Each structure stands twice: as structure tokens, then as C-alpha cells.
Amino acid sequence: MVKHFYTSKEVQELLDCGCLRTAQLRIQSMNDELKAKGFWIERGKIPVTFFHEKYPYIERVN
């Protein structure tokens, strides 16, 4: 099965953030950018492809 979104917990692990709130703020910032471009967003989740556009040096999680 293909994963379409990362949750805040997964973003926390991928970015090695100290707390969950930091990951949530990063997701919120990226979602704000997507919303400004006219995309629909899922609160608390970020599309995998967009995440890896912003962080191309982090390997994908299956």
C-alpha cells in the first residue's frame, strides 16, 4: 500500500524533533504554503511528496 500522508508523529521521527509540537508547527507551516497555492489540506498531516520536496535529503518511509 502506498503512503500518501505523514502524521505529526512520523514527521517528528523523520526530522528527529525533540517534541511533537515542533513537528506539528512544521506541518502547519507546510500546510499553510499548500493552502496558499490552492490545495486542500489535511490538518495534522502532510503529503509525502510535498514533505520530500522540502526535505529531499531525508529518505522515504514505506
PDB file of N, CA and C in Angstrom:
ATOM      1  N   MET A   1       0.837  -1.180   0.000  1.00  0.00           N
ATOM      2  CA  MET A   1       0.000   0.000   0.000  1.00  0.00           C
ATOM      3  C   MET A   1       0.884   1.246   0.000  1.00  0.00           C
ATOM      4  N   VAL A   2       0.513   2.220  -0.791  1.00  0.00           N
ATOM      5  CA  VAL A   2       1.276   3.452  -0.909  1.00  0.00           C
ATOM      6  C   VAL A   2       0.832   4.433   0.178  1.00  0.00           C
ATOM      7  N   LYS A   3       1.802   5.015   0.840  1.00  0.00           N
ATOM      8  CA  LYS A   3       1.517   6.002   1.886  1.00  0.00           C
ATOM      9  C   LYS A   3       1.417   7.377   1.234  1.00  0.00           C
ATOM     10  N   HIS A   4       0.313   8.089   1.509  1.00  0.00           N
ATOM     11  CA  HIS A   4       0.088   9.400   0.897  1.00  0.00           C
ATOM     12  C   HIS A   4       0.384  10.552   1.846  1.00  0.00           C
ATOM     13  N   PHE A   5       0.258  10.325   3.150  1.00  0.00           N
ATOM     14  CA  PHE A   5       0.453  11.379   4.145  1.00  0.00           C
ATOM     15  C   PHE A   5       1.363  10.896   5.267  1.00  0.00           C
ATOM     16  N   TYR A   6       2.124  11.837   5.826  1.00  0.00           N
ATOM     17  CA  TYR A   6       2.848  11.596   7.070  1.00  0.00           C
ATOM     18  C   TYR A   6       2.069  12.274   8.192  1.00  0.00           C
ATOM     19  N   THR A   7       2.000  11.617   9.341  1.00  0.00           N
ATOM     20  CA  THR A   7       1.369  12.208  10.522  1.00  0.00           C
ATOM     21  C   THR A   7       2.426  13.011  11.283  1.00  0.00           C
ATOM     22  N   SER A   8       1.979  13.738  12.277  1.00  0.00           N
ATOM     23  CA  SER A   8       2.917  14.543  13.064  1.00  0.00           C
ATOM     24  C   SER A   8       3.923  13.656  13.800  1.00  0.00           C
ATOM     25  N   LYS A   9       3.507  12.482  14.231  1.00  0.00           N
ATOM     26  CA  LYS A   9       4.421  11.558  14.915  1.00  0.00           C
ATOM     27  C   LYS A   9       5.515  11.077  13.952  1.00  0.00           C
ATOM     28  N   GLU A  10       5.142  10.786  12.720  1.00  0.00           N
ATOM     29  CA  GLU A  10       6.121  10.347  11.723  1.00  0.00           C
ATOM     30  C   GLU A  10       7.078  11.480  11.363  1.00  0.00           C
ATOM     31  N   VAL A  11       6.559  12.695  11.238  1.00  0.00           N
ATOM     32  CA  VAL A  11       7.418  13.842  10.947  1.00  0.00           C
ATOM     33  C   VAL A  11       8.387  14.076  12.104  1.00  0.00           C
ATOM     34  N   GLN A  12       7.921  13.907  13.318  1.00  0.00           N
ATOM     35  CA  GLN A  12       8.789  14.055  14.487  1.00  0.00           C
ATOM     36  C   GLN A  12       9.948  13.067  14.415  1.00  0.00           C
ATOM     37  N   GLU A  13       9.662  11.827  14.057  1.00  0.00           N
ATOM     38  CA  GLU A  13      10.709  10.812  13.953  1.00  0.00           C
ATOM     39  C   GLU A  13      11.648  11.089  12.780  1.00  0.00           C
ATOM     40  N   LEU A  14      11.092  11.491  11.625  1.00  0.00           N
ATOM     41  CA  LEU A  14      11.919  11.751  10.449  1.00  0.00           C
ATOM     42  C   LEU A  14      12.866  12.926  10.654  1.00  0.00           C
ATOM     43  N   LEU A  15      12.367  13.983  11.295  1.00  0.00           N
ATOM     44  CA  LEU A  15      13.179  15.186  11.495  1.00  0.00           C
ATOM     45  C   LEU A  15      13.950  15.151  12.818  1.00  0.00           C
ATOM     46  N   ASP A  16      13.732  14.113  13.596  1.00  0.00           N
ATOM     47  CA  ASP A  16      14.386  13.965  14.895  1.00  0.00           C
ATOM     48  C   ASP A  16      14.128  15.188  15.770  1.00  0.00           C
ATOM     49  N   CYS A  17      12.852  15.605  15.799  1.00  0.00           N
ATOM     50  CA  CYS A  17      12.436  16.742  16.621  1.00  0.00           C
ATOM     51  C   CYS A  17      12.369  16.309  18.084  1.00  0.00           C
ATOM     52  N   GLY A  18      12.670  17.234  18.963  1.00  0.00           N
ATOM     53  CA  GLY A  18      12.638  16.929  20.383  1.00  0.00           C
ATOM     54  C   GLY A  18      11.240  16.695  20.919  1.00  0.00           C
ATOM     55  N   CYS A  19      10.266  17.457  20.417  1.00  0.00           N
ATOM     56  CA  CYS A  19       8.898  17.293  20.919  1.00  0.00           C
ATOM     57  C   CYS A  19       7.921  17.276  19.749  1.00  0.00           C
ATOM     58  N   LEU A  20       6.754  16.740  20.015  1.00  0.00           N
ATOM     59  CA  LEU A  20       5.734  16.611  18.992  1.00  0.00           C
ATOM     60  C   LEU A  20       5.249  17.962  18.497  1.00  0.00           C
ATOM     61  N   ARG A  21       5.212  18.945  19.369  1.00  0.00           N
ATOM     62  CA  ARG A  21       4.734  20.284  18.997  1.00  0.00           C
ATOM     63  C   ARG A  21       5.591  20.899  17.887  1.00  0.00           C
ATOM     64  N   THR A  22       6.878  20.667  17.911  1.00  0.00           N
ATOM     65  CA  THR A  22       7.767  21.177  16.867  1.00  0.00           C
ATOM     66  C   THR A  22       7.387  20.593  15.509  1.00  0.00           C
ATOM     67  N   ALA A  23       7.124  19.297  15.478  1.00  0.00           N
ATOM     68  CA  ALA A  23       6.711  18.647  14.233  1.00  0.00           C
ATOM     69  C   ALA A  23       5.371  19.197  13.766  1.00  0.00           C
ATOM     70  N   GLN A  24       4.449  19.441  14.692  1.00  0.00           N
ATOM     71  CA  GLN A  24       3.142  19.983  14.339  1.00  0.00           C
ATOM     72  C   GLN A  24       3.266  21.381  13.749  1.00  0.00           C
ATOM     73  N   LEU A  25       4.176  22.179  14.268  1.00  0.00           N
ATOM     74  CA  LEU A  25       4.389  23.527  13.728  1.00  0.00           C
ATOM     75  C   LEU A  25       4.976  23.473  12.318  1.00  0.00           C
ATOM     76  N   ARG A  26       5.873  22.527  12.086  1.00  0.00           N
ATOM     77  CA  ARG A  26       6.426  22.358  10.732  1.00  0.00           C
ATOM     78  C   ARG A  26       5.332  21.950   9.754  1.00  0.00           C
ATOM     79  N   ILE A  27       4.472  21.016  10.171  1.00  0.00           N
ATOM     80  CA  ILE A  27       3.371  20.580   9.321  1.00  0.00           C
ATOM     81  C   ILE A  27       2.426  21.741   9.043  1.00  0.00           C
ATOM     82  N   GLN A  28       2.120  22.507  10.062  1.00  0.00           N
ATOM     83  CA  GLN A  28       1.222  23.649   9.896  1.00  0.00           C
ATOM     84  C   GLN A  28       1.800  24.654   8.898  1.00  0.00           C
ATOM     85  N   SER A  29       3.085  24.901   8.993  1.00  0.00           N
ATOM     86  CA  SER A  29       3.740  25.828   8.073  1.00  0.00           C
ATOM     87  C   SER A  29       3.675  25.322   6.630  1.00  0.00           C
ATOM     88  N   MET A  30       3.960  24.033   6.436  1.00  0.00           N
ATOM     89  CA  MET A  30       3.900  23.463   5.088  1.00  0.00           C
ATOM     90  C   MET A  30       2.468  23.441   4.564  1.00  0.00           C
ATOM     91  N   ASN A  31       1.503  23.140   5.432  1.00  0.00           N
ATOM     92  CA  ASN A  31       0.101  23.133   5.017  1.00  0.00           C
ATOM     93  C   ASN A  31      -0.375  24.535   4.655  1.00  0.00           C
ATOM     94  N   ASP A  32       0.103  25.552   5.378  1.00  0.00           N
ATOM     95  CA  ASP A  32      -0.240  26.930   5.038  1.00  0.00           C
ATOM     96  C   ASP A  32       0.258  27.273   3.634  1.00  0.00           C
ATOM     97  N   GLU A  33       1.443  26.800   3.315  1.00  0.00           N
ATOM     98  CA  GLU A  33       2.005  27.038   1.982  1.00  0.00           C
ATOM     99  C   GLU A  33       1.168  26.343   0.907  1.00  0.00           C
ATOM    100  N   LEU A  34       0.754  25.105   1.175  1.00  0.00           N
ATOM    101  CA  LEU A  34      -0.081  24.382   0.221  1.00  0.00           C
ATOM    102  C   LEU A  34      -1.444  25.063   0.049  1.00  0.00           C
ATOM    103  N   LYS A  35      -2.009  25.515   1.155  1.00  0.00           N
ATOM    104  CA  LYS A  35      -3.319  26.174   1.112  1.00  0.00           C
ATOM    105  C   LYS A  35      -3.241  27.464   0.296  1.00  0.00           C
ATOM    106  N   ALA A  36      -2.145  28.202   0.430  1.00  0.00           N
ATOM    107  CA  ALA A  36      -1.952  29.433  -0.332  1.00  0.00           C
ATOM    108  C   ALA A  36      -1.858  29.157  -1.836  1.00  0.00           C
ATOM    109  N   LYS A  37      -1.395  27.957  -2.184  1.00  0.00           N
ATOM    110  CA  LYS A  37      -1.310  27.570  -3.597  1.00  0.00           C
ATOM    111  C   LYS A  37      -2.641  27.036  -4.116  1.00  0.00           C
ATOM    112  N   GLY A  38      -3.632  26.913  -3.214  1.00  0.00           N
ATOM    113  CA  GLY A  38      -4.950  26.474  -3.646  1.00  0.00           C
ATOM    114  C   GLY A  38      -5.248  25.007  -3.432  1.00  0.00           C
ATOM    115  N   PHE A  39      -4.397  24.301  -2.719  1.00  0.00           N
ATOM    116  CA  PHE A  39      -4.617  22.883  -2.460  1.00  0.00           C
ATOM    117  C   PHE A  39      -5.463  22.674  -1.214  1.00  0.00           C
ATOM    118  N   TRP A  40      -6.191  21.571  -1.180  1.00  0.00           N
ATOM    119  CA  TRP A  40      -6.888  21.149   0.030  1.00  0.00           C
ATOM    120  C   TRP A  40      -5.854  20.537   0.954  1.00  0.00           C
ATOM    121  N   ILE A  41      -6.044  20.680   2.250  1.00  0.00           N
ATOM    122  CA  ILE A  41      -5.079  20.142   3.202  1.00  0.00           C
ATOM    123  C   ILE A  41      -5.778  19.234   4.203  1.00  0.00           C
ATOM    124  N   GLU A  42      -5.009  18.365   4.821  1.00  0.00           N
ATOM    125  CA  GLU A  42      -5.464  17.524   5.920  1.00  0.00           C
ATOM    126  C   GLU A  42      -4.765  18.031   7.167  1.00  0.00           C
ATOM    127  N   ARG A  43      -5.526  18.497   8.127  1.00  0.00           N
ATOM    128  CA  ARG A  43      -4.942  19.049   9.343  1.00  0.00           C
ATOM    129  C   ARG A  43      -4.175  17.962  10.098  1.00  0.00           C
ATOM    130  N   GLY A  44      -2.951  18.284  10.479  1.00  0.00           N
ATOM    131  CA  GLY A  44      -2.117  17.345  11.230  1.00  0.00           C
ATOM    132  C   GLY A  44      -1.392  16.333  10.377  1.00  0.00           C
ATOM    133  N   LYS A  45      -1.542  16.447   9.063  1.00  0.00           N
ATOM    134  CA  LYS A  45      -0.868  15.532   8.142  1.00  0.00           C
ATOM    135  C   LYS A  45      -0.274  16.346   7.005  1.00  0.00           C
ATOM    136  N   ILE A  46       0.765  15.790   6.388  1.00  0.00           N
ATOM    137  CA  ILE A  46       1.404  16.458   5.263  1.00  0.00           C
ATOM    138  C   ILE A  46       1.601  15.438   4.139  1.00  0.00           C
ATOM    139  N   PRO A  47       1.316  15.805   2.892  1.00  0.00           N
ATOM    140  CA  PRO A  47       1.542  14.863   1.794  1.00  0.00           C
ATOM    141  C   PRO A  47       3.014  14.453   1.711  1.00  0.00           C
ATOM    142  N   VAL A  48       3.236  13.180   1.496  1.00  0.00           N
ATOM    143  CA  VAL A  48       4.588  12.627   1.445  1.00  0.00           C
ATOM    144  C   VAL A  48       5.427  13.324   0.376  1.00  0.00           C
ATOM    145  N   THR A  49       4.861  13.519  -0.806  1.00  0.00           N
ATOM    146  CA  THR A  49       5.635  14.131  -1.895  1.00  0.00           C
ATOM    147  C   THR A  49       6.045  15.559  -1.568  1.00  0.00           C
ATOM    148  N   PHE A  50       5.139  16.333  -0.970  1.00  0.00           N
ATOM    149  CA  PHE A  50       5.469  17.713  -0.619  1.00  0.00           C
ATOM    150  C   PHE A  50       6.515  17.758   0.495  1.00  0.00           C
ATOM    151  N   PHE A  51       6.388  16.870   1.461  1.00  0.00           N
ATOM    152  CA  PHE A  51       7.381  16.803   2.534  1.00  0.00           C
ATOM    153  C   PHE A  51       8.771  16.575   1.962  1.00  0.00           C
ATOM    154  N   HIS A  52       8.875  15.652   0.997  1.00  0.00           N
ATOM    155  CA  HIS A  52      10.187  15.332   0.435  1.00  0.00           C
ATOM    156  C   HIS A  52      10.675  16.375  -0.564  1.00  0.00           C
ATOM    157  N   GLU A  53       9.803  17.251  -1.036  1.00  0.00           N
ATOM    158  CA  GLU A  53      10.264  18.409  -1.798  1.00  0.00           C
ATOM    159  C   GLU A  53      10.982  19.379  -0.866  1.00  0.00           C
ATOM    160  N   LYS A  54      10.463  19.524   0.345  1.00  0.00           N
ATOM    161  CA  LYS A  54      11.049  20.434   1.332  1.00  0.00           C
ATOM    162  C   LYS A  54      12.272  19.831   2.008  1.00  0.00           C
ATOM    163  N   TYR A  55      12.283  18.519   2.161  1.00  0.00           N
ATOM    164  CA  TYR A  55      13.386  17.822   2.827  1.00  0.00           C
ATOM    165  C   TYR A  55      13.879  16.695   1.922  1.00  0.00           C
ATOM    166  N   PRO A  56      14.552  17.039   0.817  1.00  0.00           N
ATOM    167  CA  PRO A  56      14.958  16.000  -0.152  1.00  0.00           C
ATOM    168  C   PRO A  56      16.043  15.053   0.361  1.00  0.00           C
ATOM    169  N   TYR A  57      16.734  15.432   1.420  1.00  0.00           N
ATOM    170  CA  TYR A  57      17.825  14.611   1.947  1.00  0.00           C
ATOM    171  C   TYR A  57      17.345  13.547   2.929  1.00  0.00           C
ATOM    172  N   ILE A  58      16.061  13.521   3.241  1.00  0.00           N
ATOM    173  CA  ILE A  58      15.508  12.527   4.158  1.00  0.00           C
ATOM    174  C   ILE A  58      14.892  11.418   3.342  1.00  0.00           C
ATOM    175  N   GLU A  59      15.245  10.168   3.678  1.00  0.00           N
ATOM    176  CA  GLU A  59      14.738   9.018   2.927  1.00  0.00           C
ATOM    177  C   GLU A  59      13.259   8.797   3.196  1.00  0.00           C
ATOM    178  N   ARG A  60      12.574   8.271   2.190  1.00  0.00           N
ATOM    179  CA  ARG A  60      11.144   7.977   2.319  1.00  0.00           C
ATOM    180  C   ARG A  60      10.910   6.782   3.232  1.00  0.00           C
ATOM    181  N   VAL A  61       9.783   6.834   3.951  1.00  0.00           N
ATOM    182  CA  VAL A  61       9.371   5.729   4.805  1.00  0.00           C
ATOM    183  C   VAL A  61       8.219   5.024   4.112  1.00  0.00           C
ATOM    184  N   ASN A  62       8.289   3.704   4.032  1.00  0.00           N
ATOM    185  CA  ASN A  62       7.207   2.940   3.354  1.00  0.00           C
ATOM    186  C   ASN A  62       6.164   2.496   4.309  1.00  0.00           C
TER     187      ASN A  62
END
